[in-house]
Protein backbone atom coordinates (compact mmCIF):
# COMPACT_ATOMS: atom_id res chain seq x y z
CA MET A 1 32.15 -12.38 -9.38
CA GLY A 2 31.19 -13.40 -12.61
CA GLU A 3 27.60 -11.43 -12.44
CA PHE A 4 30.09 -8.29 -11.92
CA THR A 5 32.15 -8.50 -14.99
CA GLY A 6 28.92 -9.78 -17.15
CA LEU A 7 27.79 -6.24 -16.29
CA LEU A 8 30.88 -4.34 -17.14
CA ASP A 9 30.87 -5.92 -20.19
CA LEU A 10 27.49 -5.07 -21.11
CA LEU A 11 28.10 -1.65 -20.10
CA THR A 12 31.46 -1.62 -22.06
CA ALA A 13 28.95 -2.60 -25.18
CA LEU A 14 26.72 -0.24 -24.50
CA PHE A 15 29.09 2.57 -23.98
CA ARG A 16 30.81 1.52 -27.35
CA LEU A 17 27.35 1.40 -29.29
CA PHE A 18 26.37 4.84 -28.11
CA GLY A 19 30.11 6.18 -28.79
CA LEU A 20 31.09 6.81 -25.18
CA ASP A 21 34.49 7.07 -23.70
CA GLN A 22 35.20 4.00 -21.27
CA SER A 23 36.00 6.46 -18.37
CA ALA A 24 32.45 6.86 -18.13
CA ILE A 25 31.77 3.56 -16.82
CA MET A 26 33.02 3.47 -13.27
CA PRO A 27 30.90 6.34 -12.47
CA ALA A 28 27.56 4.53 -14.57
CA VAL A 29 28.49 1.42 -11.91
CA ALA A 30 28.64 3.57 -9.22
CA LEU A 31 25.39 5.05 -9.95
CA MET A 32 23.42 1.57 -10.44
CA ILE A 33 24.98 0.36 -6.92
CA VAL A 34 23.61 3.45 -5.22
CA PHE A 35 20.36 3.08 -6.88
CA PHE A 36 19.85 -0.53 -5.81
CA LEU A 37 21.37 0.13 -2.62
CA LEU A 38 18.17 2.40 -2.26
CA ALA A 39 15.56 0.79 -4.33
CA VAL A 40 15.84 -2.70 -2.71
CA PRO A 41 15.40 -1.54 0.70
CA ILE A 42 12.01 0.54 -0.54
CA GLY A 43 10.66 -2.36 -2.52
CA LEU A 44 10.90 -4.43 0.30
CA LEU A 45 9.18 -2.26 3.01
CA ALA A 46 6.45 -1.68 0.32
CA GLN A 47 5.99 -5.33 0.47
CA GLY A 48 5.52 -5.35 4.44
CA ARG A 49 2.73 -2.52 4.72
CA ARG A 50 -0.53 -3.26 5.45
CA VAL A 51 -3.28 -3.20 2.58
CA SER A 52 -4.79 -0.17 2.43
CA THR A 53 -7.11 -0.57 -0.40
CA GLY A 54 -10.38 -2.49 -1.33
CA ARG A 55 -11.76 -4.80 1.45
CA GLU A 56 -9.11 -5.80 3.09
CA GLY A 57 -8.10 -1.79 3.75
CA MET A 58 -11.56 -1.18 5.02
CA VAL A 59 -11.07 -3.92 7.90
CA GLY A 60 -10.34 -1.98 11.01
CA GLU A 61 -11.14 1.50 10.03
CA ILE A 62 -12.68 3.84 12.19
CA GLY A 63 -15.89 5.37 11.30
CA GLU A 64 -19.22 7.01 13.26
CA ALA A 65 -22.69 6.15 12.94
CA VAL A 66 -24.78 8.40 10.73
CA ASN A 67 -28.06 7.13 12.37
CA ASP A 68 -29.31 4.47 14.48
CA LEU A 69 -28.17 1.42 13.71
CA SER A 70 -30.57 -1.52 14.57
CA PRO A 71 -29.11 -3.62 13.11
CA GLU A 72 -28.95 -1.92 9.82
CA GLY A 73 -28.06 1.70 9.24
CA ARG A 74 -25.40 4.06 7.74
CA VAL A 75 -22.24 4.94 8.65
CA PHE A 76 -19.26 7.37 7.47
CA VAL A 77 -16.08 5.96 6.85
CA ARG A 78 -13.16 7.03 4.95
CA GLY A 79 -14.79 10.16 3.79
CA GLU A 80 -17.82 8.19 2.29
CA TYR A 81 -21.56 7.24 3.44
CA TRP A 82 -21.83 3.29 3.56
CA ASN A 83 -24.71 0.97 4.43
CA ALA A 84 -23.87 -0.91 7.74
CA VAL A 85 -24.80 -3.87 9.97
CA ALA A 86 -24.19 -4.27 13.50
CA GLY A 87 -24.45 -6.87 15.87
CA GLU A 88 -26.02 -5.07 18.64
CA GLU A 89 -27.97 -1.69 18.40
CA ILE A 90 -25.81 1.52 17.94
CA PRO A 91 -27.27 4.97 18.63
CA LYS A 92 -26.44 7.84 16.06
CA GLY A 93 -22.75 9.62 16.71
CA THR A 94 -21.41 6.45 18.30
CA ARG A 95 -17.78 5.77 17.10
CA VAL A 96 -17.68 2.31 15.16
CA THR A 97 -14.79 0.08 13.91
CA VAL A 98 -15.37 -2.20 10.34
CA VAL A 99 -15.42 -5.46 11.16
CA SER A 100 -15.90 -6.93 7.55
CA VAL A 101 -17.08 -6.21 4.19
CA ASP A 102 -19.73 -7.96 2.37
CA ARG A 103 -20.10 -6.46 -0.98
CA MET A 104 -21.36 -2.77 -0.49
CA VAL A 105 -22.21 -3.26 3.29
CA LEU A 106 -19.96 -2.96 6.35
CA THR A 107 -20.12 -4.99 9.28
CA VAL A 108 -19.46 -3.02 12.44
CA GLN A 109 -19.09 -2.58 16.11
CA ARG A 110 -19.27 -0.52 18.68
CA ILE A 111 -15.79 0.90 19.89
CA PRO A 112 -15.54 0.74 23.72
């Protein structure tokens, strides 16, 4: 409960500093409570989301072989053309999934 009274004291000092009436304290506290009731759950949800950028974000993406991968070639993933390596021969036009990323080369496998 001490945090709440400390917050009220801080707000009272700020209102005095800016020459505002103390009757505005409760609406300000109410707005802060509503803000934190919305902001905290949104922040927690953002922390639990899957990574969507960088190397980690590429793993699991679906693409298409632009030319025959035997075992090297090019694939089209996320709107971009990438150099790729596959553990097996993959014909042109086959859908592939990204297994890993090593520098600027994707390791892919055929989608069954």
